[in-house]
Amino acid sequence: MAYAIISSGVYQIKNLANGKVYIGSSVNIKARWANHRSSLRKDKHHSAALQRAWNKYGKDGFEFSILEIVDDRAMLFERENFYVTKFKSADGRNGYNTLVKAGSAAGYRHTAEAKRKMSDGQKKIPYEQRLTFCVSFAGRKHSEETKQKMRESNRHTSPTAEQRAAISKVHKGKIISDEHKAIVSKATALKNKTPEMRAKVSAALKGRVFTPEWRAKLSEAGKRRASQRRNDDAQPPHDLYGA
């Protein structure tokens, strides 16, 4: 198939050995295919399953083809979803797509390997650099337009009761190490260290009215901290040299 004219539409990458497919869409299919090949050659493709298959069968084991030309770019995701559903390519038994729905990460879970790579990538960034980045956002105010966009985006992402229960179960009984506590303490101290930062925080909080519910939560949190401090003070001191 000729690619002399830039085509916008839906394409597939098919494994000739087992028939599994990867479905995608692009406003420039030729360029997108070139990006796929480049990522696969570098062993960096976002679909780990497709990458493993590529490493096993090689470039000659795959066929690239256009499924549908879509002139209306606003319809790209809709048409891509049609073919993902048709070929069941998000099911590992049939294909290599990582997302059930194009353009949405709903239902997608990172593999343990992907989580490890993301964690390792974060660890390579110096702690002070990460902290400086976080501090740079303190006191920043979003425009009303941005706030509205954030509200619209988060409207359908609020955790369900089941999800909240699952999150609570994961964190229940979790013990924070002394090392982690030290890092949090250092981060908090650095955030509030400079007069400029304190001025930003003060300006951001000025005029804010706390609801009775929020005040009650703050009060309960303060009581729990005070109770914990009293319990810690009541503990007998450790004898470093034995009884």
Protein backbone atom coordinates (compact mmCIF):
# COMPACT_ATOMS: atom_id res chain seq x y z
CA MET A 1 0.00 0.00 0.00
CA ALA A 2 1.36 3.42 -0.96
CA TYR A 3 1.85 6.14 1.67
CA ALA A 4 2.71 9.03 -0.62
CA ILE A 5 -0.30 10.99 0.67
CA ILE A 6 -0.52 11.68 4.39
CA SER A 7 -3.41 9.60 5.69
CA SER A 8 -5.42 10.02 8.86
CA GLY A 9 -7.11 6.88 10.11
CA VAL A 10 -6.93 3.55 11.91
CA TYR A 11 -4.16 0.99 11.36
CA GLN A 12 -3.11 -2.41 12.64
CA ILE A 13 0.16 -4.20 13.31
CA LYS A 14 -0.42 -7.91 12.83
CA ASN A 15 1.71 -10.79 14.05
CA LEU A 16 1.84 -13.19 11.08
CA ALA A 17 2.76 -16.13 13.32
CA ASN A 18 -0.22 -16.07 15.70
CA GLY A 19 -2.63 -13.51 14.26
CA LYS A 20 -2.51 -11.17 17.26
CA VAL A 21 -2.93 -7.47 16.40
CA TYR A 22 -2.18 -4.02 17.73
CA ILE A 23 -4.76 -1.38 16.77
CA GLY A 24 -3.92 2.30 16.64
CA SER A 25 -4.99 5.58 15.06
CA SER A 26 -3.14 8.67 13.92
CA VAL A 27 -3.53 11.88 11.94
CA ASN A 28 -0.38 10.82 10.08
CA ILE A 29 -0.26 7.04 9.80
CA LYS A 30 3.05 6.92 7.96
CA ALA A 31 4.82 8.93 10.67
CA ARG A 32 3.14 6.91 13.42
CA TRP A 33 4.31 3.64 11.90
CA ALA A 34 7.85 5.02 11.75
CA ASN A 35 7.59 5.86 15.47
CA HIS A 36 6.41 2.33 16.26
CA ARG A 37 9.32 0.76 14.39
CA SER A 38 11.81 3.09 16.05
CA SER A 39 10.51 2.26 19.54
CA LEU A 40 10.48 -1.46 18.81
CA ARG A 41 14.03 -1.42 17.45
CA LYS A 42 15.19 0.37 20.61
CA ASP A 43 13.29 -2.10 22.80
CA LYS A 44 11.28 0.79 24.29
CA HIS A 45 7.75 0.26 22.98
CA HIS A 46 4.96 1.16 25.43
CA SER A 47 3.22 -2.17 24.76
CA ALA A 48 5.41 -4.69 26.57
CA ALA A 49 3.54 -7.58 24.94
CA LEU A 50 4.11 -6.25 21.44
CA GLN A 51 7.76 -5.59 22.28
CA ARG A 52 8.28 -9.15 23.47
CA ALA A 53 6.64 -10.51 20.33
CA TRP A 54 8.76 -8.24 18.14
CA ASN A 55 11.92 -9.40 19.90
CA LYS A 56 10.87 -13.01 19.34
CA TYR A 57 9.65 -12.93 15.73
CA GLY A 58 11.57 -9.97 14.31
CA LYS A 59 10.36 -7.23 11.98
CA ASP A 60 9.60 -9.69 9.16
CA GLY A 61 7.10 -11.45 11.41
CA PHE A 62 4.73 -8.47 11.37
CA GLU A 63 2.48 -6.86 8.78
CA PHE A 64 1.38 -3.24 8.90
CA SER A 65 -1.86 -2.20 7.20
CA ILE A 66 -4.45 0.56 7.21
CA LEU A 67 -7.90 -0.53 8.34
CA GLU A 68 -9.80 2.68 7.63
CA ILE A 69 -9.12 6.20 6.38
CA VAL A 70 -10.79 8.71 8.71
CA ASP A 71 -10.93 12.24 7.32
CA ASP A 72 -12.76 13.63 10.35
CA ARG A 73 -10.03 13.65 12.99
CA ALA A 74 -12.59 14.08 15.76
CA MET A 75 -13.79 10.56 14.94
CA LEU A 76 -10.37 8.87 15.23
CA PHE A 77 -10.74 7.50 18.76
CA GLU A 78 -14.30 6.35 18.06
CA ARG A 79 -13.21 4.38 14.99
CA GLU A 80 -10.15 3.02 16.79
CA ASN A 81 -12.38 1.81 19.63
CA PHE A 82 -14.60 0.09 17.07
CA TYR A 83 -11.69 -2.02 15.80
CA VAL A 84 -10.23 -2.63 19.27
CA THR A 85 -13.62 -4.08 20.23
CA LYS A 86 -14.02 -5.94 16.95
CA PHE A 87 -10.65 -7.70 17.16
CA LYS A 88 -10.62 -7.80 21.01
CA SER A 89 -7.05 -6.54 20.79
CA ALA A 90 -6.96 -5.35 24.44
CA ASP A 91 -7.32 -9.00 25.46
CA GLY A 92 -3.85 -10.50 25.69
CA ARG A 93 -5.10 -13.65 24.00
CA ASN A 94 -5.96 -11.71 20.85
CA GLY A 95 -3.80 -8.60 20.72
CA TYR A 96 -1.27 -6.18 22.12
CA ASN A 97 -3.27 -3.04 23.03
CA THR A 98 -2.70 -1.84 26.58
CA LEU A 99 -5.87 0.30 26.78
CA VAL A 100 -9.38 -1.06 26.58
CA LYS A 101 -10.59 2.32 25.36
CA ALA A 102 -8.51 4.59 23.13
CA GLY A 103 -7.61 7.91 24.75
CA SER A 104 -8.55 6.71 28.24
CA ALA A 105 -6.48 4.93 30.89
CA ALA A 106 -9.59 3.68 32.67
CA GLY A 107 -9.16 0.09 33.72
CA TYR A 108 -5.45 0.05 32.89
CA ARG A 109 -3.01 -1.25 35.47
CA HIS A 110 0.74 -0.96 35.25
CA THR A 111 2.70 -4.18 35.42
CA ALA A 112 5.10 -4.80 38.31
CA GLU A 113 7.98 -4.28 35.87
CA ALA A 114 6.59 -0.94 34.69
CA LYS A 115 6.10 0.20 38.30
CA ARG A 116 9.68 -0.75 39.11
CA LYS A 117 11.00 1.20 36.10
CA MET A 118 8.99 4.29 37.09
CA SER A 119 10.25 4.00 40.65
CA ASP A 120 13.86 3.63 39.50
CA GLY A 121 13.45 6.63 37.22
CA GLN A 122 12.23 8.79 40.10
CA LYS A 123 15.09 7.64 42.33
CA LYS A 124 17.62 8.87 39.77
CA ILE A 125 16.36 12.43 40.24
CA PRO A 126 18.18 14.04 43.20
CA TYR A 127 15.96 14.45 46.24
CA GLU A 128 16.64 18.19 46.48
CA GLN A 129 15.63 18.64 42.84
CA ARG A 130 12.32 16.83 43.37
CA LEU A 131 11.66 18.83 46.51
CA THR A 132 12.47 22.13 44.78
CA PHE A 133 9.96 21.27 42.07
CA CYS A 134 7.25 20.60 44.66
CA VAL A 135 8.03 23.79 46.57
CA SER A 136 7.79 25.86 43.36
CA PHE A 137 4.06 25.12 43.25
CA ALA A 138 3.33 26.21 46.82
CA GLY A 139 0.97 29.18 46.93
CA ARG A 140 0.28 29.04 43.19
CA LYS A 141 -3.27 29.93 42.20
CA HIS A 142 -5.05 28.46 39.21
CA SER A 143 -7.26 30.59 37.00
CA GLU A 144 -11.02 30.05 37.15
CA GLU A 145 -10.86 28.52 33.67
CA THR A 146 -8.22 26.02 34.80
CA LYS A 147 -10.18 25.20 37.95
CA GLN A 148 -13.28 24.49 35.88
CA LYS A 149 -11.31 22.20 33.57
CA MET A 150 -9.92 20.35 36.58
CA ARG A 151 -13.41 19.93 38.04
CA GLU A 152 -14.72 18.57 34.73
CA SER A 153 -11.77 16.21 34.45
CA ASN A 154 -12.14 14.90 38.00
CA ARG A 155 -15.91 14.63 37.91
CA HIS A 156 -15.82 11.06 36.66
CA THR A 157 -12.68 9.97 38.51
CA SER A 158 -13.88 10.15 42.12
CA PRO A 159 -13.18 6.83 43.84
CA THR A 160 -16.17 4.64 44.55
CA ALA A 161 -16.99 3.36 48.02
CA GLU A 162 -15.42 0.03 47.08
CA GLN A 163 -12.24 1.74 45.88
CA ARG A 164 -11.98 3.83 49.04
CA ALA A 165 -12.42 0.70 51.14
CA ALA A 166 -9.69 -1.06 49.16
CA ILE A 167 -7.31 1.90 49.59
CA SER A 168 -8.05 2.00 53.32
CA LYS A 169 -7.36 -1.73 53.62
CA VAL A 170 -3.99 -1.36 51.88
CA HIS A 171 -2.83 1.42 54.22
CA LYS A 172 -4.33 0.07 57.44
CA GLY A 173 -1.62 -0.93 59.87
CA LYS A 174 1.15 0.39 57.64
CA ILE A 175 4.20 1.44 59.65
CA ILE A 176 6.16 4.44 58.41
CA SER A 177 9.89 3.93 58.82
CA ASP A 178 12.08 6.41 60.69
CA GLU A 179 13.88 7.12 57.43
CA HIS A 180 10.62 8.07 55.72
CA LYS A 181 9.63 10.24 58.68
CA ALA A 182 12.98 12.03 58.44
CA ILE A 183 12.46 12.71 54.74
CA VAL A 184 8.96 14.12 55.34
CA SER A 185 10.29 16.25 58.19
CA LYS A 186 13.08 17.61 56.03
CA ALA A 187 10.68 18.36 53.19
CA THR A 188 8.31 20.22 55.51
CA ALA A 189 11.13 22.23 57.03
CA LEU A 190 12.49 23.22 53.62
CA LYS A 191 9.06 24.23 52.33
CA ASN A 192 8.55 26.66 55.21
CA LYS A 193 12.15 27.84 55.45
CA THR A 194 12.32 30.95 53.29
CA PRO A 195 10.39 34.19 53.97
CA GLU A 196 9.25 34.15 50.34
CA MET A 197 7.69 30.74 50.75
CA ARG A 198 5.99 31.68 54.00
CA ALA A 199 4.61 34.80 52.31
CA LYS A 200 3.25 32.71 49.42
CA VAL A 201 1.53 30.28 51.76
CA SER A 202 0.10 33.13 53.84
CA ALA A 203 -1.27 34.87 50.75
CA ALA A 204 -2.80 31.64 49.50
CA LEU A 205 -4.61 31.04 52.81
CA LYS A 206 -5.65 34.64 53.45
CA GLY A 207 -9.40 35.05 53.54
CA ARG A 208 -10.09 31.32 53.47
CA VAL A 209 -13.13 30.31 55.50
CA PHE A 210 -13.14 26.85 57.05
CA THR A 211 -16.46 25.03 57.30
CA PRO A 212 -17.60 23.65 60.67
CA GLU A 213 -17.02 20.13 59.34
CA TRP A 214 -13.45 20.97 58.34
CA ARG A 215 -12.78 22.64 61.71
CA ALA A 216 -14.04 19.51 63.48
CA LYS A 217 -11.68 17.33 61.43
CA LEU A 218 -8.73 19.59 62.26
CA SER A 219 -9.65 19.46 65.93
CA GLU A 220 -9.85 15.66 65.94
CA ALA A 221 -6.50 15.40 64.16
CA GLY A 222 -4.91 17.71 66.73
CA LYS A 223 -6.32 15.67 69.60
CA ARG A 224 -4.94 12.45 68.11
CA ARG A 225 -1.47 13.98 67.75
CA ALA A 226 -1.55 15.30 71.32
CA SER A 227 -2.67 11.89 72.59
CA GLN A 228 0.14 10.18 70.71
CA ARG A 229 2.71 12.60 72.16
CA ARG A 230 1.41 11.92 75.69
CA ASN A 231 1.68 8.18 75.09
CA ASP A 232 5.22 8.56 73.79
CA ASP A 233 6.22 10.65 76.81
CA ALA A 234 4.73 8.04 79.16
CA GLN A 235 6.94 5.28 77.76
CA PRO A 236 9.89 4.39 80.07
CA PRO A 237 13.29 5.43 78.69
CA HIS A 238 15.43 2.75 77.05
CA ASP A 239 18.48 1.61 78.98
CA LEU A 240 21.20 1.66 76.33
CA TYR A 241 23.57 -0.34 78.53
CA GLY A 242 21.18 -3.04 79.70
CA ALA A 243 19.47 -3.61 83.03
